[in-house]
N, C-alpha and C. Protein backbone atom coordinates (compact mmCIF):
# COMPACT_ATOMS: atom_id res chain seq x y z
N MET A 1 151.60 66.70 96.56
CA MET A 1 151.70 68.04 97.14
C MET A 1 153.02 68.69 96.75
N LYS A 2 152.94 69.91 96.30
CA LYS A 2 154.14 70.63 95.90
C LYS A 2 154.82 71.24 97.12
N THR A 3 156.13 71.02 97.25
CA THR A 3 156.83 71.62 98.38
C THR A 3 157.23 73.05 98.06
N LYS A 4 157.07 73.89 99.03
CA LYS A 4 157.40 75.30 98.84
C LYS A 4 158.89 75.52 99.06
N ILE A 5 159.52 76.16 98.12
CA ILE A 5 160.96 76.40 98.24
C ILE A 5 161.23 77.74 98.89
N ARG A 6 160.67 78.80 98.34
CA ARG A 6 160.97 80.09 98.94
C ARG A 6 159.74 80.78 99.51
N ASN A 7 159.93 81.32 100.67
CA ASN A 7 158.86 82.05 101.34
C ASN A 7 158.75 83.45 100.75
N SER A 8 157.55 83.95 100.75
CA SER A 8 157.30 85.28 100.24
C SER A 8 157.97 86.34 101.13
N LYS A 9 158.59 87.30 100.50
CA LYS A 9 159.22 88.41 101.24
C LYS A 9 158.17 89.18 102.03
N ILE A 10 157.01 89.37 101.42
CA ILE A 10 155.94 90.11 102.08
C ILE A 10 155.46 89.36 103.32
N LYS A 11 155.32 88.03 103.16
CA LYS A 11 154.87 87.20 104.28
C LYS A 11 155.84 87.30 105.44
N LYS A 12 157.12 87.26 105.14
CA LYS A 12 158.15 87.36 106.18
C LYS A 12 158.09 88.72 106.86
N ALA A 13 157.92 89.77 106.04
CA ALA A 13 157.84 91.12 106.58
C ALA A 13 156.65 91.26 107.52
N ARG A 14 155.54 90.59 107.17
CA ARG A 14 154.35 90.65 108.01
C ARG A 14 154.60 90.00 109.37
N MET A 15 155.47 89.00 109.39
CA MET A 15 155.74 88.32 110.64
C MET A 15 156.77 89.06 111.50
N VAL A 16 157.81 89.59 110.86
CA VAL A 16 158.93 90.12 111.63
C VAL A 16 159.16 91.63 111.48
N GLY A 17 158.32 92.29 110.71
CA GLY A 17 158.53 93.72 110.45
C GLY A 17 158.18 94.61 111.63
N PHE A 18 158.52 95.87 111.50
CA PHE A 18 158.25 96.87 112.54
C PHE A 18 156.77 96.95 112.87
N ARG A 19 155.93 97.02 111.83
CA ARG A 19 154.49 97.16 112.04
C ARG A 19 153.90 95.94 112.72
N ALA A 20 154.44 94.77 112.37
CA ALA A 20 153.97 93.53 112.98
C ALA A 20 154.27 93.55 114.48
N ARG A 21 155.45 94.04 114.83
CA ARG A 21 155.82 94.11 116.25
C ARG A 21 154.97 95.13 116.99
N GLN A 22 154.60 96.20 116.30
CA GLN A 22 153.81 97.25 116.95
C GLN A 22 152.42 96.75 117.35
N LYS A 23 151.98 95.65 116.74
CA LYS A 23 150.62 95.18 116.98
C LYS A 23 150.46 94.40 118.28
N THR A 24 151.59 94.03 118.93
CA THR A 24 151.49 93.32 120.20
C THR A 24 152.20 94.10 121.30
N ALA A 25 151.78 93.87 122.53
CA ALA A 25 152.37 94.59 123.66
C ALA A 25 153.86 94.27 123.77
N GLY A 26 154.21 92.99 123.62
CA GLY A 26 155.62 92.59 123.70
C GLY A 26 156.45 93.21 122.60
N GLY A 27 155.86 93.28 121.41
CA GLY A 27 156.56 93.85 120.27
C GLY A 27 156.81 95.34 120.45
N ARG A 28 155.85 96.03 121.02
CA ARG A 28 156.01 97.46 121.29
C ARG A 28 157.16 97.69 122.25
N LYS A 29 157.28 96.78 123.22
CA LYS A 29 158.37 96.84 124.19
C LYS A 29 159.72 96.69 123.47
N VAL A 30 159.78 95.75 122.53
CA VAL A 30 161.00 95.52 121.75
C VAL A 30 161.37 96.77 120.96
N ASN A 31 160.37 97.35 120.29
CA ASN A 31 160.61 98.55 119.48
C ASN A 31 161.06 99.72 120.35
N LYS A 32 160.46 99.84 121.51
CA LYS A 32 160.81 100.92 122.44
C LYS A 32 162.27 100.77 122.88
N ARG A 33 162.65 99.52 123.19
CA ARG A 33 164.02 99.23 123.61
C ARG A 33 165.02 99.54 122.49
N ARG A 34 164.65 99.16 121.28
CA ARG A 34 165.53 99.42 120.12
C ARG A 34 165.69 100.91 119.87
N ARG A 35 164.57 101.64 120.03
CA ARG A 35 164.61 103.08 119.82
C ARG A 35 165.50 103.74 120.86
N ALA A 36 165.39 103.26 122.10
CA ALA A 36 166.19 103.81 123.19
C ALA A 36 167.68 103.56 122.98
N ARG A 37 168.01 102.38 122.48
CA ARG A 37 169.42 102.03 122.30
C ARG A 37 170.06 102.66 121.07
N HIS A 38 169.29 102.78 120.01
CA HIS A 38 169.88 103.20 118.74
C HIS A 38 169.30 104.51 118.18
N GLY A 39 168.61 105.25 119.00
CA GLY A 39 167.94 106.44 118.49
C GLY A 39 166.75 105.99 117.65
N ALA A 40 166.58 106.56 116.47
CA ALA A 40 165.50 106.12 115.59
C ALA A 40 165.88 104.74 115.07
N ILE A 41 164.88 103.92 114.82
CA ILE A 41 165.14 102.56 114.36
C ILE A 41 165.63 102.59 112.91
């Protein structure tokens, strides 16, 4: 079995990106909090 060295940038973005967070209730809460603290994200 070949070991994976580097993770795909796209895959990481899918897990931790803005849109990924918007898809869950908890994530929307995080985005809302960030928007409140820093204006636009």
